[in-house]
Protein backbone atom coordinates (compact mmCIF):
# COMPACT_ATOMS: atom_id res chain seq x y z
CA UNK A 1 0.00 0.00 0.00
CA UNK A 2 1.52 3.29 -1.11
CA UNK A 3 0.64 6.93 -1.07
CA UNK A 4 -2.49 7.97 -2.96
CA UNK A 5 -1.84 9.23 -6.47
CA UNK A 6 -2.62 12.84 -7.28
CA UNK A 7 -3.13 13.87 -10.88
CA UNK A 8 -3.36 17.57 -11.62
CA UNK A 9 -5.91 18.28 -14.36
CA UNK A 10 -4.27 19.39 -17.62
CA UNK A 11 -3.76 23.13 -17.84
CA UNK A 12 -4.12 23.60 -14.09
CA UNK A 13 -1.60 25.29 -11.82
CA UNK A 14 -1.90 25.45 -8.03
CA UNK A 15 0.17 27.85 -5.93
CA UNK A 16 -0.04 27.90 -2.13
CA UNK A 17 -0.17 31.41 -0.69
CA UNK A 18 -0.63 32.49 2.93
CA UNK A 19 -4.41 32.79 2.58
CA UNK A 20 -5.18 29.74 0.43
CA UNK A 21 -4.34 27.90 -2.77
CA UNK A 22 -4.43 30.09 -5.88
CA UNK A 23 -5.68 28.00 -8.78
CA UNK A 24 -5.20 28.83 -12.46
CA UNK A 25 -7.19 26.87 -15.05
CA UNK A 26 -8.16 27.48 -18.66
CA UNK A 27 -11.57 28.55 -17.29
CA UNK A 28 -10.16 31.21 -14.96
CA UNK A 29 -8.56 31.83 -11.59
CA UNK A 30 -9.75 31.49 -8.00
CA UNK A 31 -8.57 31.10 -4.44
CA UNK A 32 -9.56 27.96 -2.58
CA UNK A 33 -8.99 26.80 1.00
CA UNK A 34 -5.91 24.68 1.62
CA UNK A 35 -6.36 20.99 0.85
CA UNK A 36 -3.80 18.45 2.07
CA UNK A 37 -4.83 16.18 -0.80
CA UNK A 38 -3.11 18.59 -3.22
CA UNK A 39 0.27 17.47 -1.81
CA UNK A 40 1.71 21.00 -2.08
CA UNK A 41 4.68 21.29 0.26
CA UNK A 42 5.53 24.97 -0.17
CA UNK A 43 3.82 28.28 0.54
CA UNK A 44 4.72 31.69 -0.86
CA UNK A 45 4.96 34.32 1.90
CA UNK A 46 2.14 36.63 0.79
CA UNK A 47 -1.64 36.73 0.44
CA UNK A 48 -3.63 36.76 -2.76
CA UNK A 49 -5.49 40.06 -3.07
CA UNK A 50 -7.38 40.63 -6.34
CA UNK A 51 -7.60 44.37 -5.57
CA UNK A 52 -3.89 44.82 -4.80
CA UNK A 53 -1.99 47.56 -6.58
CA UNK A 54 1.74 47.94 -7.08
CA UNK A 55 2.39 51.70 -7.39
CA UNK A 56 6.17 51.48 -7.04
CA UNK A 57 6.42 48.77 -9.70
CA UNK A 58 4.02 50.63 -12.01
CA UNK A 59 6.07 53.83 -11.68
CA UNK A 60 9.27 51.94 -12.46
CA UNK A 61 7.68 50.11 -15.38
CA UNK A 62 6.39 53.37 -16.84
CA UNK A 63 9.93 54.78 -16.68
CA UNK A 64 11.74 51.84 -18.26
CA UNK A 65 8.99 50.57 -20.57
CA UNK A 66 6.60 53.44 -21.30
CA UNK A 67 4.82 51.74 -24.20
CA UNK A 68 1.60 50.23 -22.77
CA UNK A 69 1.48 47.54 -25.47
CA UNK A 70 5.01 46.40 -24.52
CA UNK A 71 3.94 46.33 -20.86
CA UNK A 72 1.04 44.06 -21.80
CA UNK A 73 3.36 41.67 -23.67
CA UNK A 74 5.74 41.63 -20.70
CA UNK A 75 2.86 40.87 -18.29
CA UNK A 76 1.69 38.02 -20.51
CA UNK A 77 5.18 36.54 -20.67
CA UNK A 78 5.67 36.80 -16.90
CA UNK A 79 2.38 34.98 -16.40
CA UNK A 80 3.40 32.18 -18.77
CA UNK A 81 6.63 31.63 -16.85
CA UNK A 82 4.55 30.38 -13.93
CA UNK A 83 2.12 28.20 -15.84
CA UNK A 84 3.90 26.80 -18.89
CA UNK A 85 7.01 24.62 -18.86
CA UNK A 86 7.52 25.39 -22.56
CA UNK A 87 7.70 29.15 -21.95
CA UNK A 88 10.36 28.72 -19.25
CA UNK A 89 12.53 26.31 -21.25
CA UNK A 90 16.09 27.45 -22.10
CA UNK A 91 15.39 27.35 -25.85
CA UNK A 92 12.31 29.59 -25.51
CA UNK A 93 14.19 31.98 -23.22
CA UNK A 94 17.00 32.25 -25.79
CA UNK A 95 14.41 33.10 -28.46
CA UNK A 96 12.84 35.61 -26.08
CA UNK A 97 16.25 37.21 -25.42
CA UNK A 98 16.71 37.81 -29.15
CA UNK A 99 13.20 39.26 -29.47
CA UNK A 100 13.68 41.38 -26.35
CA UNK A 101 16.91 42.80 -27.75
CA UNK A 102 15.02 43.92 -30.86
CA UNK A 103 12.17 45.34 -28.77
CA UNK A 104 14.56 47.23 -26.48
CA UNK A 105 16.36 48.65 -29.51
CA UNK A 106 13.02 49.90 -30.86
CA UNK A 107 12.13 51.36 -27.47
CA UNK A 108 15.52 53.07 -27.17
CA UNK A 109 14.93 54.54 -30.63
CA UNK A 110 11.99 56.35 -29.03
CA UNK A 111 14.28 58.14 -26.60
CA UNK A 112 14.46 55.82 -23.60
CA UNK A 113 18.01 55.62 -22.23
CA UNK A 114 19.68 52.28 -21.89
CA UNK A 115 22.17 51.69 -19.05
CA UNK A 116 25.12 52.16 -21.42
CA UNK A 117 23.82 55.66 -22.38
CA UNK A 118 24.08 56.92 -18.79
């Protein structure tokens, strides 16, 4: 007799936070109470708050990446890092680095200073 098997439904990600388990599925997101049957052995040290704001990060982002469309692409990529093993693979990240270099060059062409310009 062994441990019970747990199979995570395809396309589902579960992340333990201080106030519950944050669940991401193709149908949406929600916060559920902790469930020992999930076999999650970690917990990130913050609460999920759907109304939270990040004014310091937003100010910084607006300085270094003022184009709202580029901010949207960055947000999408950062989300995929957490939910897709393909997006976080070394090959994909290499491809992203090349694309980011082109994007940053285009952004710098609009007058945003790069660190080497300072």
